[in-house]
PDB file of N, CA and C in Angstrom:
ATOM      1  N   MET A   1      87.927 143.494  89.455  1.00  0.00           N
ATOM      2  CA  MET A   1      86.900 144.576  89.421  1.00  0.00           C
ATOM      3  C   MET A   1      87.199 145.646  88.851  1.00  0.00           C
ATOM      4  N   THR A   2      86.208 146.540  88.446  1.00  0.00           N
ATOM      5  CA  THR A   2      86.501 147.790  87.876  1.00  0.00           C
ATOM      6  C   THR A   2      85.434 148.711  88.417  1.00  0.00           C
ATOM      7  N   GLU A   3      85.954 149.668  88.869  1.00  0.00           N
ATOM      8  CA  GLU A   3      85.014 150.799  89.597  1.00  0.00           C
ATOM      9  C   GLU A   3      85.312 152.576  88.877  1.00  0.00           C
ATOM     10  N   GLU A   4      84.019 152.820  88.663  1.00  0.00           N
ATOM     11  CA  GLU A   4      84.490 154.051  88.075  1.00  0.00           C
ATOM     12  C   GLU A   4      83.702 155.196  88.757  1.00  0.00           C
ATOM     13  N   ARG A   5      84.544 156.238  89.007  1.00  0.00           N
ATOM     14  CA  ARG A   5      83.792 157.512  90.097  1.00  0.00           C
ATOM     15  C   ARG A   5      83.452 158.531  89.058  1.00  0.00           C
ATOM     16  N   ILE A   6      82.764 159.714  88.919  1.00  0.00           N
ATOM     17  CA  ILE A   6      82.592 160.490  88.269  1.00  0.00           C
ATOM     18  C   ILE A   6      82.459 161.889  89.208  1.00  0.00           C
ATOM     19  N   THR A   7      83.585 162.907  89.297  1.00  0.00           N
ATOM     20  CA  THR A   7      83.453 163.865  90.185  1.00  0.00           C
ATOM     21  C   THR A   7      83.129 165.320  89.871  1.00  0.00           C
ATOM     22  N   GLU A   8      81.803 165.667  89.988  1.00  0.00           N
ATOM     23  CA  GLU A   8      81.479 167.114  89.219  1.00  0.00           C
ATOM     24  C   GLU A   8      82.361 168.500  90.365  1.00  0.00           C
ATOM     25  N   HIS A   9      83.041 169.578  90.124  1.00  0.00           N
ATOM     26  CA  HIS A   9      83.236 170.403  90.736  1.00  0.00           C
ATOM     27  C   HIS A   9      82.487 171.587  90.035  1.00  0.00           C
ATOM     28  N   THR A  10      81.884 172.610  90.723  1.00  0.00           N
ATOM     29  CA  THR A  10      81.752 174.048  90.244  1.00  0.00           C
ATOM     30  C   THR A  10      82.548 175.223  90.970  1.00  0.00           C
ATOM     31  N   ASP A  11      83.280 175.790  90.080  1.00  0.00           N
ATOM     32  CA  ASP A  11      84.122 176.836  90.820  1.00  0.00           C
ATOM     33  C   ASP A  11      83.405 178.396  90.841  1.00  0.00           C
ATOM     34  N   ALA A  12      83.790 178.893  91.363  1.00  0.00           N
ATOM     35  CA  ALA A  12      83.217 180.625  91.772  1.00  0.00           C
ATOM     36  C   ALA A  12      82.628 181.243  90.514  1.00  0.00           C
ATOM     37  N   GLN A  13      83.292 181.055  89.631  1.00  0.00           N
ATOM     38  CA  GLN A  13      82.485 181.623  88.236  1.00  0.00           C
ATOM     39  C   GLN A  13      81.396 180.973  87.636  1.00  0.00           C
ATOM     40  N   GLY A  14      80.961 179.782  88.324  1.00  0.00           N
ATOM     41  CA  GLY A  14      79.929 178.572  87.733  1.00  0.00           C
ATOM     42  C   GLY A  14      80.233 177.539  87.203  1.00  0.00           C
ATOM     43  N   ASN A  15      81.736 177.293  86.364  1.00  0.00           N
ATOM     44  CA  ASN A  15      82.312 176.555  85.387  1.00  0.00           C
ATOM     45  C   ASN A  15      82.153 175.345  86.022  1.00  0.00           C
ATOM     46  N   THR A  16      81.791 174.363  85.619  1.00  0.00           N
ATOM     47  CA  THR A  16      81.846 172.897  85.901  1.00  0.00           C
ATOM     48  C   THR A  16      82.613 171.935  85.724  1.00  0.00           C
ATOM     49  N   HIS A  17      83.536 171.529  86.363  1.00  0.00           N
ATOM     50  CA  HIS A  17      84.396 170.611  85.931  1.00  0.00           C
ATOM     51  C   HIS A  17      84.096 169.119  86.372  1.00  0.00           C
ATOM     52  N   THR A  18      84.345 167.962  84.976  1.00  0.00           N
ATOM     53  CA  THR A  18      83.674 166.699  85.817  1.00  0.00           C
ATOM     54  C   THR A  18      85.253 166.250  85.499  1.00  0.00           C
ATOM     55  N   THR A  19      85.432 164.897  86.629  1.00  0.00           N
ATOM     56  CA  THR A  19      86.551 164.330  86.740  1.00  0.00           C
ATOM     57  C   THR A  19      86.085 163.137  86.493  1.00  0.00           C
ATOM     58  N   ARG A  20      86.468 161.871  85.701  1.00  0.00           N
ATOM     59  CA  ARG A  20      85.834 160.781  85.553  1.00  0.00           C
ATOM     60  C   ARG A  20      87.086 159.847  85.876  1.00  0.00           C
ATOM     61  N   THR A  21      87.171 158.617  87.140  1.00  0.00           N
ATOM     62  CA  THR A  21      88.340 158.285  87.380  1.00  0.00           C
ATOM     63  C   THR A  21      87.786 156.790  87.243  1.00  0.00           C
ATOM     64  N   ILE A  22      88.546 155.746  86.778  1.00  0.00           N
ATOM     65  CA  ILE A  22      88.434 154.555  86.622  1.00  0.00           C
ATOM     66  C   ILE A  22      89.596 153.778  87.204  1.00  0.00           C
ATOM     67  N   GLU A  23      88.788 152.788  88.160  1.00  0.00           N
ATOM     68  CA  GLU A  23      90.191 152.386  88.918  1.00  0.00           C
ATOM     69  C   GLU A  23      89.803 150.481  88.365  1.00  0.00           C
ATOM     70  N   THR A  24      90.823 149.772  88.063  1.00  0.00           N
ATOM     71  CA  THR A  24      90.742 148.012  87.756  1.00  0.00           C
ATOM     72  C   THR A  24      91.429 147.848  89.189  1.00  0.00           C
ATOM     73  N   GLY A  25      90.720 146.526  89.395  1.00  0.00           N
ATOM     74  CA  GLY A  25      91.042 145.759  90.495  1.00  0.00           C
ATOM     75  C   GLY A  25      92.573 145.108  90.182  1.00  0.00           C
ATOM     76  N   GLY A  26      93.353 144.668  91.264  1.00  0.00           N
ATOM     77  CA  GLY A  26      94.567 143.879  90.385  1.00  0.00           C
ATOM     78  C   GLY A  26      94.231 142.450  89.644  1.00  0.00           C
ATOM     79  N   SER A  27      94.625 141.686  89.680  1.00  0.00           N
ATOM     80  CA  SER A  27      94.642 140.534  88.854  1.00  0.00           C
ATOM     81  C   SER A  27      93.457 139.757  89.237  1.00  0.00           C
ATOM     82  N   GLY A  28      93.312 139.873  90.663  1.00  0.00           N
ATOM     83  CA  GLY A  28      91.521 139.261  90.943  1.00  0.00           C
ATOM     84  C   GLY A  28      91.628 137.987  91.150  1.00  0.00           C
ATOM     85  N   GLY A  29      90.813 136.948  91.401  1.00  0.00           N
ATOM     86  CA  GLY A  29      90.767 135.601  91.668  1.00  0.00           C
ATOM     87  C   GLY A  29      91.264 134.958  92.519  1.00  0.00           C
ATOM     88  N   GLY A  30      91.424 136.149  93.937  1.00  0.00           N
ATOM     89  CA  GLY A  30      91.966 135.296  94.897  1.00  0.00           C
ATOM     90  C   GLY A  30      91.281 133.845  95.465  1.00  0.00           C
ATOM     91  N   MET A  31      90.480 134.181  95.394  1.00  0.00           N
ATOM     92  CA  MET A  31      89.756 132.869  96.086  1.00  0.00           C
ATOM     93  C   MET A  31      89.859 131.642  94.984  1.00  0.00           C
ATOM     94  N   ALA A  32      89.905 131.953  93.737  1.00  0.00           N
ATOM     95  CA  ALA A  32      90.227 130.852  92.670  1.00  0.00           C
ATOM     96  C   ALA A  32      92.003 130.336  92.372  1.00  0.00           C
ATOM     97  N   LYS A  33      92.533 131.462  93.521  1.00  0.00           N
ATOM     98  CA  LYS A  33      94.056 130.756  93.447  1.00  0.00           C
ATOM     99  C   LYS A  33      93.921 129.851  94.599  1.00  0.00           C
ATOM    100  N   TRP A  34      93.228 130.057  95.497  1.00  0.00           N
ATOM    101  CA  TRP A  34      93.720 129.280  96.660  1.00  0.00           C
ATOM    102  C   TRP A  34      92.812 127.765  96.519  1.00  0.00           C
ATOM    103  N   ALA A  35      92.041 127.656  95.417  1.00  0.00           N
ATOM    104  CA  ALA A  35      91.549 126.726  95.498  1.00  0.00           C
ATOM    105  C   ALA A  35      91.869 126.099  94.342  1.00  0.00           C
ATOM    106  N   PHE A  36      92.633 126.505  93.323  1.00  0.00           N
ATOM    107  CA  PHE A  36      93.707 125.918  92.713  1.00  0.00           C
ATOM    108  C   PHE A  36      94.778 125.399  93.377  1.00  0.00           C
ATOM    109  N   LEU A  37      95.213 126.046  94.070  1.00  0.00           N
ATOM    110  CA  LEU A  37      96.478 125.647  94.902  1.00  0.00           C
ATOM    111  C   LEU A  37      95.838 124.232  96.163  1.00  0.00           C
ATOM    112  N   LEU A  38      94.763 124.381  96.489  1.00  0.00           N
ATOM    113  CA  LEU A  38      94.468 123.365  97.194  1.00  0.00           C
ATOM    114  C   LEU A  38      94.202 122.096  96.082  1.00  0.00           C
ATOM    115  N   ILE A  39      93.674 122.204  95.369  1.00  0.00           N
ATOM    116  CA  ILE A  39      93.500 121.110  94.270  1.00  0.00           C
ATOM    117  C   ILE A  39      95.146 120.371  93.772  1.00  0.00           C
ATOM    118  N   LEU A  40      95.916 121.256  93.821  1.00  0.00           N
ATOM    119  CA  LEU A  40      97.004 121.013  93.194  1.00  0.00           C
ATOM    120  C   LEU A  40      97.788 120.063  94.667  1.00  0.00           C
ATOM    121  N   VAL A  41      97.743 120.760  95.685  1.00  0.00           N
ATOM    122  CA  VAL A  41      98.554 119.740  97.058  1.00  0.00           C
ATOM    123  C   VAL A  41      97.905 118.330  96.803  1.00  0.00           C
ATOM    124  N   ILE A  42      96.300 118.626  96.704  1.00  0.00           N
ATOM    125  CA  ILE A  42      95.279 117.143  97.085  1.00  0.00           C
ATOM    126  C   ILE A  42      95.977 116.306  96.241  1.00  0.00           C
ATOM    127  N   ALA A  43      96.089 116.605  94.357  1.00  0.00           N
ATOM    128  CA  ALA A  43      96.683 116.196  93.214  1.00  0.00           C
ATOM    129  C   ALA A  43      98.246 115.280  93.900  1.00  0.00           C
ATOM    130  N   LEU A  44      98.959 116.356  94.401  1.00  0.00           N
ATOM    131  CA  LEU A  44     100.176 115.709  94.778  1.00  0.00           C
ATOM    132  C   LEU A  44     100.388 114.565  95.461  1.00  0.00           C
ATOM    133  N   GLY A  45      99.578 114.884  96.882  1.00  0.00           N
ATOM    134  CA  GLY A  45      99.198 113.753  97.889  1.00  0.00           C
ATOM    135  C   GLY A  45      98.694 112.478  97.369  1.00  0.00           C
ATOM    136  N   VAL A  46      97.992 112.752  96.805  1.00  0.00           N
ATOM    137  CA  VAL A  46      97.156 111.189  95.562  1.00  0.00           C
ATOM    138  C   VAL A  46      98.632 110.652  95.265  1.00  0.00           C
ATOM    139  N   GLY A  47      99.413 111.595  94.202  1.00  0.00           N
ATOM    140  CA  GLY A  47     100.257 110.940  93.225  1.00  0.00           C
ATOM    141  C   GLY A  47     101.180 110.478  94.338  1.00  0.00           C
ATOM    142  N   VAL A  48     101.632 111.003  95.380  1.00  0.00           N
ATOM    143  CA  VAL A  48     102.948 110.072  96.230  1.00  0.00           C
ATOM    144  C   VAL A  48     102.213 108.898  96.807  1.00  0.00           C
ATOM    145  N   TYR A  49     101.072 109.255  97.635  1.00  0.00           N
ATOM    146  CA  TYR A  49     100.229 107.869  97.796  1.00  0.00           C
ATOM    147  C   TYR A  49     100.316 106.397  97.133  1.00  0.00           C
ATOM    148  N   LEU A  50     100.174 107.029  95.622  1.00  0.00           N
ATOM    149  CA  LEU A  50     100.116 105.946  94.317  1.00  0.00           C
ATOM    150  C   LEU A  50     101.661 105.271  94.429  1.00  0.00           C
ATOM    151  N   LEU A  51     102.685 106.264  94.485  1.00  0.00           N
ATOM    152  CA  LEU A  51     103.981 106.235  94.164  1.00  0.00           C
ATOM    153  C   LEU A  51     104.416 104.961  94.797  1.00  0.00           C
ATOM    154  N   THR A  52     104.012 105.786  96.465  1.00  0.00           N
ATOM    155  CA  THR A  52     104.515 104.438  97.388  1.00  0.00           C
ATOM    156  C   THR A  52     103.592 103.330  97.391  1.00  0.00           C
ATOM    157  N   GLN A  53     102.090 103.284  96.963  1.00  0.00           N
ATOM    158  CA  GLN A  53     101.681 101.746  97.112  1.00  0.00           C
ATOM    159  C   GLN A  53     102.224 100.953  96.080  1.00  0.00           C
ATOM    160  N   THR A  54     102.833 101.694  94.577  1.00  0.00           N
ATOM    161  CA  THR A  54     103.382 100.878  93.450  1.00  0.00           C
ATOM    162  C   THR A  54     104.325 100.293  94.287  1.00  0.00           C
ATOM    163  N   ASN A  55     105.630 101.079  94.988  1.00  0.00           N
ATOM    164  CA  ASN A  55     106.757 100.608  95.455  1.00  0.00           C
ATOM    165  C   ASN A  55     106.494  99.373  96.296  1.00  0.00           C
ATOM    166  N   SER A  56     105.640  99.709  97.447  1.00  0.00           N
ATOM    167  CA  SER A  56     105.459  98.479  98.067  1.00  0.00           C
ATOM    168  C   SER A  56     104.956  97.345  97.587  1.00  0.00           C
ATOM    169  N   ALA A  57     104.220  97.173  96.695  1.00  0.00           N
ATOM    170  CA  ALA A  57     103.676  95.954  95.508  1.00  0.00           C
ATOM    171  C   ALA A  57     104.803  95.513  95.065  1.00  0.00           C
ATOM    172  N   GLU A  58     105.753  96.413  94.631  1.00  0.00           N
ATOM    173  CA  GLU A  58     106.980  95.593  93.861  1.00  0.00           C
ATOM    174  C   GLU A  58     107.736  95.115  95.136  1.00  0.00           C
ATOM    175  N   ILE A  59     107.951  95.737  95.802  1.00  0.00           N
ATOM    176  CA  ILE A  59     108.754  95.282  97.435  1.00  0.00           C
ATOM    177  C   ILE A  59     108.254  93.797  97.698  1.00  0.00           C
ATOM    178  N   ALA A  60     106.679  93.947  97.707  1.00  0.00           N
ATOM    179  CA  ALA A  60     106.471  92.599  97.954  1.00  0.00           C
ATOM    180  C   ALA A  60     106.381  91.298  97.116  1.00  0.00           C
ATOM    181  N   LYS A  61     106.450  91.857  95.920  1.00  0.00           N
ATOM    182  CA  LYS A  61     106.749  90.906  94.750  1.00  0.00           C
ATOM    183  C   LYS A  61     108.092  90.259  94.620  1.00  0.00           C
ATOM    184  N   ASP A  62     108.936  91.176  94.947  1.00  0.00           N
ATOM    185  CA  ASP A  62     110.430  91.006  95.258  1.00  0.00           C
ATOM    186  C   ASP A  62     110.484  90.016  96.273  1.00  0.00           C
ATOM    187  N   ASN A  63     110.116  89.916  97.338  1.00  0.00           N
ATOM    188  CA  ASN A  63     109.956  89.232  98.775  1.00  0.00           C
ATOM    189  C   ASN A  63     109.609  88.098  97.978  1.00  0.00           C
ATOM    190  N   ALA A  64     108.512  87.969  97.615  1.00  0.00           N
ATOM    191  CA  ALA A  64     107.719  86.984  97.413  1.00  0.00           C
ATOM    192  C   ALA A  64     108.605  85.735  96.328  1.00  0.00           C
ATOM    193  N   ILE A  65     109.282  86.560  95.369  1.00  0.00           N
ATOM    194  CA  ILE A  65     110.225  85.988  94.444  1.00  0.00           C
ATOM    195  C   ILE A  65     111.332  85.163  94.970  1.00  0.00           C
ATOM    196  N   ALA A  66     112.088  85.891  96.364  1.00  0.00           N
ATOM    197  CA  ALA A  66     113.174  85.497  96.937  1.00  0.00           C
ATOM    198  C   ALA A  66     112.449  84.332  97.472  1.00  0.00           C
ATOM    199  N   ASP A  67     111.339  84.693  98.375  1.00  0.00           N
ATOM    200  CA  ASP A  67     111.107  83.852  99.232  1.00  0.00           C
ATOM    201  C   ASP A  67     110.789  82.101  98.665  1.00  0.00           C
ATOM    202  N   ALA A  68     110.361  82.186  97.339  1.00  0.00           N
ATOM    203  CA  ALA A  68     110.464  80.935  96.372  1.00  0.00           C
ATOM    204  C   ALA A  68     111.639  80.409  96.085  1.00  0.00           C
ATOM    205  N   ALA A  69     112.448  81.270  95.733  1.00  0.00           N
ATOM    206  CA  ALA A  69     113.755  80.615  95.511  1.00  0.00           C
ATOM    207  C   ALA A  69     114.390  80.133  96.596  1.00  0.00           C
ATOM    208  N   SER A  70     114.396  80.513  97.759  1.00  0.00           N
ATOM    209  CA  SER A  70     114.903  79.767  98.834  1.00  0.00           C
ATOM    210  C   SER A  70     114.162  78.680  99.100  1.00  0.00           C
ATOM    211  N   ASP A  71     112.576  78.446  99.063  1.00  0.00           N
ATOM    212  CA  ASP A  71     112.126  76.971  98.961  1.00  0.00           C
ATOM    213  C   ASP A  71     112.527  76.274  97.929  1.00  0.00           C
ATOM    214  N   VAL A  72     113.002  76.698  96.928  1.00  0.00           N
ATOM    215  CA  VAL A  72     113.586  76.064  95.961  1.00  0.00           C
ATOM    216  C   VAL A  72     114.984  75.485  96.268  1.00  0.00           C
ATOM    217  N   GLY A  73     115.608  76.335  96.617  1.00  0.00           N
ATOM    218  CA  GLY A  73     117.323  75.930  97.233  1.00  0.00           C
ATOM    219  C   GLY A  73     116.948  74.881  97.972  1.00  0.00           C
ATOM    220  N   GLU A  74     116.013  75.182  98.889  1.00  0.00           N
ATOM    221  CA  GLU A  74     115.615  74.147 100.484  1.00  0.00           C
ATOM    222  C   GLU A  74     115.529  72.589  99.744  1.00  0.00           C
ATOM    223  N   ALA A  75     114.734  72.678  98.659  1.00  0.00           N
ATOM    224  CA  ALA A  75     113.825  71.434  98.288  1.00  0.00           C
ATOM    225  C   ALA A  75     115.253  71.020  97.434  1.00  0.00           C
ATOM    226  N   ALA A  76     115.746  71.608  96.759  1.00  0.00           N
ATOM    227  CA  ALA A  76     116.951  70.616  96.062  1.00  0.00           C
ATOM    228  C   ALA A  76     118.274  70.235  96.741  1.00  0.00           C
ATOM    229  N   GLY A  77     118.487  71.022  97.676  1.00  0.00           N
ATOM    230  CA  GLY A  77     119.176  70.490  98.807  1.00  0.00           C
ATOM    231  C   GLY A  77     118.811  68.845  99.670  1.00  0.00           C
ATOM    232  N   GLN A  78     117.562  69.316  99.778  1.00  0.00           N
ATOM    233  CA  GLN A  78     116.732  67.916 100.433  1.00  0.00           C
ATOM    234  C   GLN A  78     117.030  66.680  99.233  1.00  0.00           C
ATOM    235  N   VAL A  79     116.841  67.089  98.278  1.00  0.00           N
ATOM    236  CA  VAL A  79     116.809  66.135  96.936  1.00  0.00           C
ATOM    237  C   VAL A  79     118.255  65.613  96.844  1.00  0.00           C
ATOM    238  N   GLY A  80     119.144  66.242  97.167  1.00  0.00           N
ATOM    239  CA  GLY A  80     120.702  66.079  97.386  1.00  0.00           C
ATOM    240  C   GLY A  80     121.170  64.990  98.390  1.00  0.00           C
ATOM    241  N   GLU A  81     120.418  65.434  99.407  1.00  0.00           N
ATOM    242  CA  GLU A  81     120.675  64.827 100.664  1.00  0.00           C
ATOM    243  C   GLU A  81     120.224  63.056 100.694  1.00  0.00           C
ATOM    244  N   ALA A  82     118.936  63.478 100.066  1.00  0.00           N
ATOM    245  CA  ALA A  82     118.024  62.068  99.436  1.00  0.00           C
ATOM    246  C   ALA A  82     119.229  60.905  98.721  1.00  0.00           C
ATOM    247  N   ALA A  83     119.366  61.495  97.445  1.00  0.00           N
ATOM    248  CA  ALA A  83     120.561  60.925  96.555  1.00  0.00           C
ATOM    249  C   ALA A  83     121.801  60.449  97.277  1.00  0.00           C
ATOM    250  N   GLN A  84     121.963  61.187  98.013  1.00  0.00           N
ATOM    251  CA  GLN A  84     123.099  60.766  98.787  1.00  0.00           C
ATOM    252  C   GLN A  84     123.011  59.883  99.846  1.00  0.00           C
ATOM    253  N   ASP A  85     122.075  59.617 100.484  1.00  0.00           N
ATOM    254  CA  ASP A  85     121.598  58.647 101.383  1.00  0.00           C
ATOM    255  C   ASP A  85     121.637  57.366 100.421  1.00  0.00           C
ATOM    256  N   VAL A  86     120.885  57.347  99.124  1.00  0.00           N
ATOM    257  CA  VAL A  86     120.860  56.194  98.234  1.00  0.00           C
ATOM    258  C   VAL A  86     121.843  55.929  97.908  1.00  0.00           C
ATOM    259  N   ALA A  87     122.659  56.760  97.608  1.00  0.00           N
ATOM    260  CA  ALA A  87     124.131  56.438  97.172  1.00  0.00           C
ATOM    261  C   ALA A  87     124.549  55.779  98.144  1.00  0.00           C
ATOM    262  N   ASP A  88     124.481  55.993  99.298  1.00  0.00           N
ATOM    263  CA  ASP A  88     125.284  55.373 100.579  1.00  0.00           C
ATOM    264  C   ASP A  88     124.729  54.187 100.830  1.00  0.00           C
ATOM    265  N   SER A  89     123.612  53.696 100.787  1.00  0.00           N
ATOM    266  CA  SER A  89     123.062  52.464 100.759  1.00  0.00           C
ATOM    267  C   SER A  89     123.479  51.470 100.074  1.00  0.00           C
ATOM    268  N   VAL A  90     123.428  52.053  98.890  1.00  0.00           N
ATOM    269  CA  VAL A  90     123.947  50.879  97.514  1.00  0.00           C
ATOM    270  C   VAL A  90     125.192  50.726  97.312  1.00  0.00           C
ATOM    271  N   THR A  91     126.020  51.481  98.423  1.00  0.00           N
ATOM    272  CA  THR A  91     127.551  50.960  98.055  1.00  0.00           C
ATOM    273  C   THR A  91     127.967  50.572  99.377  1.00  0.00           C
ATOM    274  N   GLY A  92     126.891  50.670 100.398  1.00  0.00           N
ATOM    275  CA  GLY A  92     127.037  49.568 101.741  1.00  0.00           C
ATOM    276  C   GLY A  92     127.763  50.872 102.918  1.00  0.00           C
ATOM    277  N   GLU A  93     127.863  51.863 102.899  1.00  0.00           N
ATOM    278  CA  GLU A  93     128.450  52.731 103.876  1.00  0.00           C
ATOM    279  C   GLU A  93     127.409  53.381 104.966  1.00  0.00           C
TER     280      GLU A  93
END
């Protein structure tokens, strides 16, 4: 914001002196800075939230794969035991 002041002085002899003063404010935009900072903080919060959700989804996917692999391992063990039972019954043990 710019402010202009004009001051006139008259001395004892009747001479008039005019002083013109122009003041410009600082960088201004104080409210705009706060709004920008607020938007930045909100954007960072959303970014962190999305990253944690993506990370949680990856963990859930990894856990599902591990559970499926465990189930396959258990099933293979059961097939092995059944094959052993068949072999034992064929050989008469």
